[in-house]
PDB file of all heavy atoms in Angstrom:
ATOM      1  N   ARG A   1       0.842  -1.205   0.000  1.00  0.00           N
ATOM      2  CA  ARG A   1       0.000   0.000   0.000  1.00  0.00           C
ATOM      3  C   ARG A   1       0.878   1.257   0.000  1.00  0.00           C
ATOM      4  O   ARG A   1       0.488   2.300  -0.526  1.00  0.00           O
ATOM      5  CB  ARG A   1      -0.917  -0.018   1.227  1.00  0.00           C
ATOM      6  CG  ARG A   1      -1.891   1.153   1.318  1.00  0.00           C
ATOM      7  CD  ARG A   1      -2.783   1.022   2.537  1.00  0.00           C
ATOM      8  NE  ARG A   1      -3.765  -0.026   2.362  1.00  0.00           N
ATOM      9  CZ  ARG A   1      -3.713  -1.226   2.934  1.00  0.00           C
ATOM     10  NH1 ARG A   1      -2.692  -1.540   3.717  1.00  0.00           N
ATOM     11  NH2 ARG A   1      -4.657  -2.117   2.726  1.00  0.00           N
ATOM     12  N   ASP A   2       2.079   1.156   0.570  1.00  0.00           N
ATOM     13  CA  ASP A   2       2.958   2.310   0.735  1.00  0.00           C
ATOM     14  C   ASP A   2       4.083   2.380  -0.294  1.00  0.00           C
ATOM     15  O   ASP A   2       4.502   3.463  -0.686  1.00  0.00           O
ATOM     16  CB  ASP A   2       3.583   2.301   2.136  1.00  0.00           C
ATOM     17  CG  ASP A   2       2.535   2.279   3.231  1.00  0.00           C
ATOM     18  OD1 ASP A   2       1.498   2.950   3.058  1.00  0.00           O
ATOM     19  OD2 ASP A   2       2.747   1.593   4.242  1.00  0.00           O
ATOM     20  N   ILE A   3       4.612   1.226  -0.701  1.00  0.00           N
ATOM     21  CA  ILE A   3       5.775   1.228  -1.587  1.00  0.00           C
ATOM     22  C   ILE A   3       5.637   0.150  -2.652  1.00  0.00           C
ATOM     23  O   ILE A   3       4.804  -0.754  -2.545  1.00  0.00           O
ATOM     24  CB  ILE A   3       7.092   0.976  -0.805  1.00  0.00           C
ATOM     25  CG1 ILE A   3       7.079  -0.434  -0.200  1.00  0.00           C
ATOM     26  CG2 ILE A   3       7.308   2.017   0.268  1.00  0.00           C
ATOM     27  CD1 ILE A   3       8.423  -0.860   0.312  1.00  0.00           C
ATOM     28  N   ASP A   4       6.481   0.232  -3.673  1.00  0.00           N
ATOM     29  CA  ASP A   4       6.550  -0.788  -4.715  1.00  0.00           C
ATOM     30  C   ASP A   4       7.651  -1.777  -4.335  1.00  0.00           C
ATOM     31  O   ASP A   4       8.826  -1.567  -4.626  1.00  0.00           O
ATOM     32  CB  ASP A   4       6.839  -0.141  -6.068  1.00  0.00           C
ATOM     33  CG  ASP A   4       6.688  -1.130  -7.215  1.00  0.00           C
ATOM     34  OD1 ASP A   4       6.795  -2.354  -6.967  1.00  0.00           O
ATOM     35  OD2 ASP A   4       6.463  -0.684  -8.354  1.00  0.00           O
ATOM     36  N   LYS A   5       7.278  -2.847  -3.665  1.00  0.00           N
ATOM     37  CA  LYS A   5       8.259  -3.812  -3.165  1.00  0.00           C
ATOM     38  C   LYS A   5       9.060  -4.470  -4.296  1.00  0.00           C
ATOM     39  O   LYS A   5      10.247  -4.762  -4.139  1.00  0.00           O
ATOM     40  CB  LYS A   5       7.564  -4.906  -2.350  1.00  0.00           C
ATOM     41  CG  LYS A   5       6.827  -4.410  -1.110  1.00  0.00           C
ATOM     42  CD  LYS A   5       6.195  -5.582  -0.387  1.00  0.00           C
ATOM     43  CE  LYS A   5       5.386  -5.147   0.810  1.00  0.00           C
ATOM     44  NZ  LYS A   5       4.788  -6.294   1.525  1.00  0.00           N
ATOM     45  N   TRP A   6       8.406  -4.720  -5.416  1.00  0.00           N
ATOM     46  CA  TRP A   6       9.076  -5.445  -6.489  1.00  0.00           C
ATOM     47  C   TRP A   6      10.183  -4.623  -7.143  1.00  0.00           C
ATOM     48  O   TRP A   6      11.048  -5.179  -7.820  1.00  0.00           O
ATOM     49  CB  TRP A   6       8.053  -5.909  -7.523  1.00  0.00           C
ATOM     50  CG  TRP A   6       7.214  -7.042  -7.004  1.00  0.00           C
ATOM     51  CD1 TRP A   6       5.945  -6.963  -6.511  1.00  0.00           C
ATOM     52  CD2 TRP A   6       7.595  -8.415  -6.901  1.00  0.00           C
ATOM     53  NE1 TRP A   6       5.511  -8.197  -6.101  1.00  0.00           N
ATOM     54  CE2 TRP A   6       6.498  -9.103  -6.334  1.00  0.00           C
ATOM     55  CE3 TRP A   6       8.740  -9.121  -7.236  1.00  0.00           C
ATOM     56  CZ2 TRP A   6       6.527 -10.478  -6.096  1.00  0.00           C
ATOM     57  CZ3 TRP A   6       8.777 -10.494  -7.001  1.00  0.00           C
ATOM     58  CH2 TRP A   6       7.679 -11.152  -6.441  1.00  0.00           C
ATOM     59  N   ASN A   7      10.164  -3.307  -6.954  1.00  0.00           N
ATOM     60  CA  ASN A   7      11.249  -2.474  -7.466  1.00  0.00           C
ATOM     61  C   ASN A   7      12.533  -2.638  -6.653  1.00  0.00           C
ATOM     62  O   ASN A   7      13.599  -2.193  -7.076  1.00  0.00           O
ATOM     63  CB  ASN A   7      10.847  -0.994  -7.465  1.00  0.00           C
ATOM     64  CG  ASN A   7      10.113  -0.604  -8.733  1.00  0.00           C
ATOM     65  OD1 ASN A   7      10.066  -1.364  -9.698  1.00  0.00           O
ATOM     66  ND2 ASN A   7       9.528   0.574  -8.745  1.00  0.00           N
ATOM     67  N   ASN A   8      12.425  -3.258  -5.465  1.00  0.00           N
ATOM     68  CA  ASN A   8      13.570  -3.399  -4.566  1.00  0.00           C
ATOM     69  C   ASN A   8      14.303  -4.727  -4.714  1.00  0.00           C
ATOM     70  O   ASN A   8      15.271  -4.972  -3.992  1.00  0.00           O
ATOM     71  CB  ASN A   8      13.109  -3.241  -3.114  1.00  0.00           C
ATOM     72  CG  ASN A   8      12.509  -1.881  -2.834  1.00  0.00           C
ATOM     73  OD1 ASN A   8      12.872  -0.903  -3.472  1.00  0.00           O
ATOM     74  ND2 ASN A   8      11.595  -1.822  -1.880  1.00  0.00           N
ATOM     75  N   VAL A   9      13.824  -5.593  -5.605  1.00  0.00           N
ATOM     76  CA  VAL A   9      14.431  -6.923  -5.758  1.00  0.00           C
ATOM     77  C   VAL A   9      14.662  -7.215  -7.240  1.00  0.00           C
ATOM     78  O   VAL A   9      14.104  -6.557  -8.114  1.00  0.00           O
ATOM     79  CB  VAL A   9      13.519  -8.027  -5.157  1.00  0.00           C
ATOM     80  CG1 VAL A   9      13.360  -7.853  -3.656  1.00  0.00           C
ATOM     81  CG2 VAL A   9      12.150  -8.033  -5.846  1.00  0.00           C
ATOM     82  N   VAL A  10      15.498  -8.230  -7.486  1.00  0.00           N
ATOM     83  CA  VAL A  10      15.690  -8.702  -8.859  1.00  0.00           C
ATOM     84  C   VAL A  10      14.527  -9.631  -9.187  1.00  0.00           C
ATOM     85  O   VAL A  10      14.334 -10.652  -8.512  1.00  0.00           O
ATOM     86  CB  VAL A  10      17.031  -9.449  -9.006  1.00  0.00           C
ATOM     87  CG1 VAL A  10      17.205  -9.930 -10.441  1.00  0.00           C
ATOM     88  CG2 VAL A  10      18.190  -8.551  -8.599  1.00  0.00           C
ATOM     89  N   LYS A  11      13.757  -9.264 -10.181  1.00  0.00           N
ATOM     90  CA  LYS A  11      12.523 -10.001 -10.474  1.00  0.00           C
ATOM     91  C   LYS A  11      12.455 -10.367 -11.945  1.00  0.00           C
ATOM     92  O   LYS A  11      13.225  -9.881 -12.773  1.00  0.00           O
ATOM     93  CB  LYS A  11      11.302  -9.157 -10.114  1.00  0.00           C
ATOM     94  CG  LYS A  11      11.116  -7.918 -10.970  1.00  0.00           C
ATOM     95  CD  LYS A  11       9.884  -7.138 -10.543  1.00  0.00           C
ATOM     96  CE  LYS A  11       9.649  -5.896 -11.409  1.00  0.00           C
ATOM     97  NZ  LYS A  11      10.754  -4.914 -11.282  1.00  0.00           N
ATOM     98  N   GLU A  12      11.508 -11.230 -12.260  1.00  0.00           N
ATOM     99  CA  GLU A  12      11.164 -11.517 -13.641  1.00  0.00           C
ATOM    100  C   GLU A  12       9.641 -11.545 -13.750  1.00  0.00           C
ATOM    101  O   GLU A  12       8.946 -11.894 -12.781  1.00  0.00           O
ATOM    102  CB  GLU A  12      11.763 -12.841 -14.097  1.00  0.00           C
ATOM    103  CG  GLU A  12      11.284 -14.057 -13.312  1.00  0.00           C
ATOM    104  CD  GLU A  12      11.964 -15.333 -13.779  1.00  0.00           C
ATOM    105  OE1 GLU A  12      13.135 -15.531 -13.417  1.00  0.00           O
ATOM    106  OE2 GLU A  12      11.313 -16.111 -14.495  1.00  0.00           O
ATOM    107  N   ILE A  13       9.155 -11.159 -14.909  1.00  0.00           N
ATOM    108  CA  ILE A  13       7.713 -11.154 -15.155  1.00  0.00           C
ATOM    109  C   ILE A  13       7.394 -12.262 -16.145  1.00  0.00           C
ATOM    110  O   ILE A  13       8.011 -12.359 -17.210  1.00  0.00           O
ATOM    111  CB  ILE A  13       7.235  -9.798 -15.715  1.00  0.00           C
ATOM    112  CG1 ILE A  13       7.684  -8.650 -14.805  1.00  0.00           C
ATOM    113  CG2 ILE A  13       5.717  -9.803 -15.876  1.00  0.00           C
ATOM    114  CD1 ILE A  13       7.173  -8.732 -13.386  1.00  0.00           C
ATOM    115  N   ARG A  14       6.452 -13.098 -15.779  1.00  0.00           N
ATOM    116  CA  ARG A  14       6.041 -14.196 -16.664  1.00  0.00           C
ATOM    117  C   ARG A  14       4.515 -14.237 -16.692  1.00  0.00           C
ATOM    118  O   ARG A  14       3.876 -14.356 -15.649  1.00  0.00           O
ATOM    119  CB  ARG A  14       6.615 -15.520 -16.175  1.00  0.00           C
ATOM    120  CG  ARG A  14       6.222 -16.737 -17.002  1.00  0.00           C
ATOM    121  CD  ARG A  14       7.192 -17.852 -16.741  1.00  0.00           C
ATOM    122  NE  ARG A  14       6.748 -19.133 -17.271  1.00  0.00           N
ATOM    123  CZ  ARG A  14       7.558 -20.134 -17.570  1.00  0.00           C
ATOM    124  NH1 ARG A  14       8.866 -20.003 -17.398  1.00  0.00           N
ATOM    125  NH2 ARG A  14       7.108 -21.286 -18.020  1.00  0.00           N
ATOM    126  N   ASP A  15       3.962 -14.103 -17.882  1.00  0.00           N
ATOM    127  CA  ASP A  15       2.494 -14.084 -18.044  1.00  0.00           C
ATOM    128  C   ASP A  15       1.855 -13.066 -17.113  1.00  0.00           C
ATOM    129  O   ASP A  15       0.831 -13.324 -16.475  1.00  0.00           O
ATOM    130  CB  ASP A  15       1.902 -15.473 -17.808  1.00  0.00           C
ATOM    131  CG  ASP A  15       2.359 -16.484 -18.853  1.00  0.00           C
ATOM    132  OD1 ASP A  15       2.592 -16.069 -20.003  1.00  0.00           O
ATOM    133  OD2 ASP A  15       2.491 -17.669 -18.511  1.00  0.00           O
ATOM    134  N   ASP A  16       2.505 -11.911 -17.023  1.00  0.00           N
ATOM    135  CA  ASP A  16       1.993 -10.753 -16.284  1.00  0.00           C
ATOM    136  C   ASP A  16       1.894 -10.957 -14.776  1.00  0.00           C
ATOM    137  O   ASP A  16       1.063 -10.342 -14.109  1.00  0.00           O
ATOM    138  CB  ASP A  16       0.618 -10.328 -16.835  1.00  0.00           C
ATOM    139  CG  ASP A  16       0.431  -8.814 -16.763  1.00  0.00           C
ATOM    140  OD1 ASP A  16       1.437  -8.086 -16.655  1.00  0.00           O
ATOM    141  OD2 ASP A  16      -0.725  -8.351 -16.805  1.00  0.00           O
ATOM    142  N   LEU A  17       2.773 -11.801 -14.236  1.00  0.00           N
ATOM    143  CA  LEU A  17       2.887 -11.952 -12.784  1.00  0.00           C
ATOM    144  C   LEU A  17       4.369 -11.895 -12.406  1.00  0.00           C
ATOM    145  O   LEU A  17       5.230 -12.357 -13.158  1.00  0.00           O
ATOM    146  CB  LEU A  17       2.282 -13.269 -12.296  1.00  0.00           C
ATOM    147  CG  LEU A  17       0.765 -13.329 -12.165  1.00  0.00           C
ATOM    148  CD1 LEU A  17       0.329 -14.735 -11.731  1.00  0.00           C
ATOM    149  CD2 LEU A  17       0.235 -12.298 -11.187  1.00  0.00           C
ATOM    150  N   PRO A  18       4.690 -11.332 -11.224  1.00  0.00           N
ATOM    151  CA  PRO A  18       6.091 -11.190 -10.816  1.00  0.00           C
ATOM    152  C   PRO A  18       6.603 -12.390 -10.026  1.00  0.00           C
ATOM    153  O   PRO A  18       5.865 -13.019  -9.256  1.00  0.00           O
ATOM    154  CB  PRO A  18       6.036  -9.946  -9.923  1.00  0.00           C
ATOM    155  CG  PRO A  18       4.691 -10.048  -9.258  1.00  0.00           C
ATOM    156  CD  PRO A  18       3.761 -10.669 -10.276  1.00  0.00           C
ATOM    157  N   TYR A  19       7.890 -12.681 -10.207  1.00  0.00           N
ATOM    158  CA  TYR A  19       8.561 -13.749  -9.476  1.00  0.00           C
ATOM    159  C   TYR A  19       9.948 -13.265  -9.069  1.00  0.00           C
ATOM    160  O   TYR A  19      10.585 -12.487  -9.792  1.00  0.00           O
ATOM    161  CB  TYR A  19       8.727 -15.008 -10.333  1.00  0.00           C
ATOM    162  CG  TYR A  19       7.437 -15.605 -10.821  1.00  0.00           C
ATOM    163  CD1 TYR A  19       6.850 -15.145 -11.995  1.00  0.00           C
ATOM    164  CD2 TYR A  19       6.808 -16.621 -10.116  1.00  0.00           C
ATOM    165  CE1 TYR A  19       5.661 -15.695 -12.460  1.00  0.00           C
ATOM    166  CE2 TYR A  19       5.619 -17.187 -10.573  1.00  0.00           C
ATOM    167  CZ  TYR A  19       5.050 -16.716 -11.741  1.00  0.00           C
ATOM    168  OH  TYR A  19       3.863 -17.246 -12.203  1.00  0.00           O
ATOM    169  N   LEU A  20      10.438 -13.742  -7.937  1.00  0.00           N
ATOM    170  CA  LEU A  20      11.811 -13.475  -7.537  1.00  0.00           C
ATOM    171  C   LEU A  20      12.754 -14.277  -8.431  1.00  0.00           C
ATOM    172  O   LEU A  20      12.596 -15.497  -8.566  1.00  0.00           O
ATOM    173  CB  LEU A  20      12.040 -13.885  -6.084  1.00  0.00           C
ATOM    174  CG  LEU A  20      11.491 -12.982  -4.984  1.00  0.00           C
ATOM    175  CD1 LEU A  20      11.644 -13.683  -3.642  1.00  0.00           C
ATOM    176  CD2 LEU A  20      12.201 -11.643  -4.971  1.00  0.00           C
ATOM    177  N   SER A  21      13.732 -13.613  -9.009  1.00  0.00           N
ATOM    178  CA  SER A  21      14.692 -14.319  -9.855  1.00  0.00           C
ATOM    179  C   SER A  21      15.478 -15.353  -9.061  1.00  0.00           C
ATOM    180  O   SER A  21      15.909 -16.373  -9.599  1.00  0.00           O
ATOM    181  CB  SER A  21      15.637 -13.320 -10.513  1.00  0.00           C
ATOM    182  OG  SER A  21      14.934 -12.458 -11.381  1.00  0.00           O
ATOM    183  N   THR A  22      15.670 -15.100  -7.763  1.00  0.00           N
ATOM    184  CA  THR A  22      16.468 -15.996  -6.920  1.00  0.00           C
ATOM    185  C   THR A  22      15.660 -17.126  -6.287  1.00  0.00           C
ATOM    186  O   THR A  22      16.221 -17.935  -5.534  1.00  0.00           O
ATOM    187  CB  THR A  22      17.129 -15.194  -5.794  1.00  0.00           C
ATOM    188  OG1 THR A  22      16.103 -14.501  -5.051  1.00  0.00           O
ATOM    189  CG2 THR A  22      18.112 -14.178  -6.353  1.00  0.00           C
ATOM    190  N   ALA A  23      14.357 -17.200  -6.563  1.00  0.00           N
ATOM    191  CA  ALA A  23      13.515 -18.227  -5.936  1.00  0.00           C
ATOM    192  C   ALA A  23      13.982 -19.625  -6.327  1.00  0.00           C
ATOM    193  O   ALA A  23      14.467 -19.852  -7.443  1.00  0.00           O
ATOM    194  CB  ALA A  23      12.057 -18.031  -6.342  1.00  0.00           C
ATOM    195  N   MET A  24      13.811 -20.587  -5.412  1.00  0.00           N
ATOM    196  CA  MET A  24      14.225 -21.956  -5.719  1.00  0.00           C
ATOM    197  C   MET A  24      13.177 -22.692  -6.546  1.00  0.00           C
ATOM    198  O   MET A  24      13.446 -23.752  -7.106  1.00  0.00           O
ATOM    199  CB  MET A  24      14.523 -22.733  -4.434  1.00  0.00           C
ATOM    200  CG  MET A  24      13.364 -22.965  -3.505  1.00  0.00           C
ATOM    201  SD  MET A  24      13.829 -24.062  -2.124  1.00  0.00           S
ATOM    202  CE  MET A  24      14.004 -25.637  -2.985  1.00  0.00           C
ATOM    203  N   ALA A  25      11.961 -22.125  -6.625  1.00  0.00           N
ATOM    204  CA  ALA A  25      10.908 -22.650  -7.490  1.00  0.00           C
ATOM    205  C   ALA A  25       9.844 -21.570  -7.640  1.00  0.00           C
ATOM    206  O   ALA A  25       9.702 -20.703  -6.769  1.00  0.00           O
ATOM    207  CB  ALA A  25      10.302 -23.925  -6.917  1.00  0.00           C
ATOM    208  N   LYS A  26       9.112 -21.618  -8.762  1.00  0.00           N
ATOM    209  CA  LYS A  26       8.115 -20.595  -9.051  1.00  0.00           C
ATOM    210  C   LYS A  26       6.820 -21.257  -9.497  1.00  0.00           C
ATOM    211  O   LYS A  26       6.849 -22.211 -10.275  1.00  0.00           O
ATOM    212  CB  LYS A  26       8.643 -19.636 -10.132  1.00  0.00           C
ATOM    213  CG  LYS A  26       9.940 -18.937  -9.702  1.00  0.00           C
ATOM    214  CD  LYS A  26      10.737 -18.406 -10.874  1.00  0.00           C
ATOM    215  CE  LYS A  26      12.108 -17.931 -10.409  1.00  0.00           C
ATOM    216  NZ  LYS A  26      12.989 -17.543 -11.532  1.00  0.00           N
ATOM    217  N   ILE A  27       5.710 -20.744  -8.995  1.00  0.00           N
ATOM    218  CA  ILE A  27       4.400 -21.358  -9.236  1.00  0.00           C
ATOM    219  C   ILE A  27       3.383 -20.277  -9.586  1.00  0.00           C
ATOM    220  O   ILE A  27       3.348 -19.223  -8.951  1.00  0.00           O
ATOM    221  CB  ILE A  27       3.916 -22.138  -7.993  1.00  0.00           C
ATOM    222  CG1 ILE A  27       4.895 -23.262  -7.650  1.00  0.00           C
ATOM    223  CG2 ILE A  27       2.506 -22.697  -8.200  1.00  0.00           C
ATOM    224  CD1 ILE A  27       4.663 -23.888  -6.282  1.00  0.00           C
ATOM    225  N   ARG A  28       2.578 -20.552 -10.585  1.00  0.00           N
ATOM    226  CA  ARG A  28       1.459 -19.676 -10.940  1.00  0.00           C
ATOM    227  C   ARG A  28       0.177 -20.450 -10.660  1.00  0.00           C
ATOM    228  O   ARG A  28       0.070 -21.641 -10.997  1.00  0.00           O
ATOM    229  CB  ARG A  28       1.508 -19.281 -12.412  1.00  0.00           C
ATOM    230  CG  ARG A  28       0.289 -18.471 -12.881  1.00  0.00           C
ATOM    231  CD  ARG A  28       0.261 -18.329 -14.400  1.00  0.00           C
ATOM    232  NE  ARG A  28      -0.956 -17.663 -14.843  1.00  0.00           N
ATOM    233  CZ  ARG A  28      -1.060 -16.357 -15.053  1.00  0.00           C
ATOM    234  NH1 ARG A  28      -0.008 -15.571 -14.856  1.00  0.00           N
ATOM    235  NH2 ARG A  28      -2.200 -15.839 -15.460  1.00  0.00           N
ATOM    236  N   ALA A  29      -0.797 -19.802 -10.017  1.00  0.00           N
ATOM    237  CA  ALA A  29      -2.041 -20.489  -9.665  1.00  0.00           C
ATOM    238  C   ALA A  29      -3.245 -19.592  -9.923  1.00  0.00           C
ATOM    239  O   ALA A  29      -3.159 -18.365  -9.830  1.00  0.00           O
ATOM    240  CB  ALA A  29      -2.015 -20.916  -8.201  1.00  0.00           C
ATOM    241  N   ARG A  30      -4.361 -20.236 -10.247  1.00  0.00           N
ATOM    242  CA  ARG A  30      -5.618 -19.520 -10.486  1.00  0.00           C
ATOM    243  C   ARG A  30      -6.649 -19.943  -9.446  1.00  0.00           C
ATOM    244  O   ARG A  30      -6.879 -21.137  -9.230  1.00  0.00           O
ATOM    245  CB  ARG A  30      -6.153 -19.799 -11.896  1.00  0.00           C
ATOM    246  CG  ARG A  30      -7.462 -19.048 -12.222  1.00  0.00           C
ATOM    247  CD  ARG A  30      -7.846 -19.194 -13.679  1.00  0.00           C
ATOM    248  NE  ARG A  30      -6.825 -18.597 -14.539  1.00  0.00           N
ATOM    249  CZ  ARG A  30      -6.782 -17.305 -14.843  1.00  0.00           C
ATOM    250  NH1 ARG A  30      -7.687 -16.476 -14.337  1.00  0.00           N
ATOM    251  NH2 ARG A  30      -5.839 -16.858 -15.644  1.00  0.00           N
ATOM    252  N   VAL A  31      -7.279 -18.977  -8.808  1.00  0.00           N
ATOM    253  CA  VAL A  31      -8.241 -19.240  -7.743  1.00  0.00           C
ATOM    254  C   VAL A  31      -9.501 -19.897  -8.316  1.00  0.00           C
ATOM    255  O   VAL A  31     -10.060 -19.435  -9.318  1.00  0.00           O
ATOM    256  CB  VAL A  31      -8.624 -17.932  -7.017  1.00  0.00           C
ATOM    257  CG1 VAL A  31      -9.707 -18.195  -5.967  1.00  0.00           C
ATOM    258  CG2 VAL A  31      -7.393 -17.294  -6.382  1.00  0.00           C
ATOM    259  N   VAL A  32      -9.933 -20.983  -7.672  1.00  0.00           N
ATOM    260  CA  VAL A  32     -11.170 -21.640  -8.082  1.00  0.00           C
ATOM    261  C   VAL A  32     -12.261 -21.485  -7.024  1.00  0.00           C
ATOM    262  O   VAL A  32     -13.452 -21.570  -7.327  1.00  0.00           O
ATOM    263  CB  VAL A  32     -10.941 -23.128  -8.392  1.00  0.00           C
ATOM    264  CG1 VAL A  32      -9.985 -23.282  -9.568  1.00  0.00           C
ATOM    265  CG2 VAL A  32     -10.400 -23.877  -7.176  1.00  0.00           C
ATOM    266  N   SER A  33     -11.846 -21.251  -5.771  1.00  0.00           N
ATOM    267  CA  SER A  33     -12.825 -21.009  -4.716  1.00  0.00           C
ATOM    268  C   SER A  33     -12.135 -20.371  -3.531  1.00  0.00           C
ATOM    269  O   SER A  33     -10.906 -20.372  -3.433  1.00  0.00           O
ATOM    270  CB  SER A  33     -13.519 -22.309  -4.275  1.00  0.00           C
ATOM    271  OG  SER A  33     -12.598 -23.187  -3.668  1.00  0.00           O
ATOM    272  N   LYS A  34     -12.929 -19.825  -2.618  1.00  0.00           N
ATOM    273  CA  LYS A  34     -12.355 -19.234  -1.413  1.00  0.00           C
ATOM    274  C   LYS A  34     -13.305 -19.406  -0.247  1.00  0.00           C
ATOM    275  O   LYS A  34     -14.518 -19.581  -0.426  1.00  0.00           O
ATOM    276  CB  LYS A  34     -12.036 -17.752  -1.621  1.00  0.00           C
ATOM    277  CG  LYS A  34     -13.254 -16.847  -1.733  1.00  0.00           C
ATOM    278  CD  LYS A  34     -12.828 -15.382  -1.826  1.00  0.00           C
ATOM    279  CE  LYS A  34     -14.051 -14.466  -1.872  1.00  0.00           C
ATOM    280  NZ  LYS A  34     -13.661 -13.030  -1.920  1.00  0.00           N
TER     281      LYS A  34
END
């Protein structure tokens, strides 16, 4: 709400979602219920 956190890290954008470049694994998920 206050800052752009993703500007402070090395990131990559894939299919319009951000991921940490240094992550040991990356997952994209779509909500089906809540």
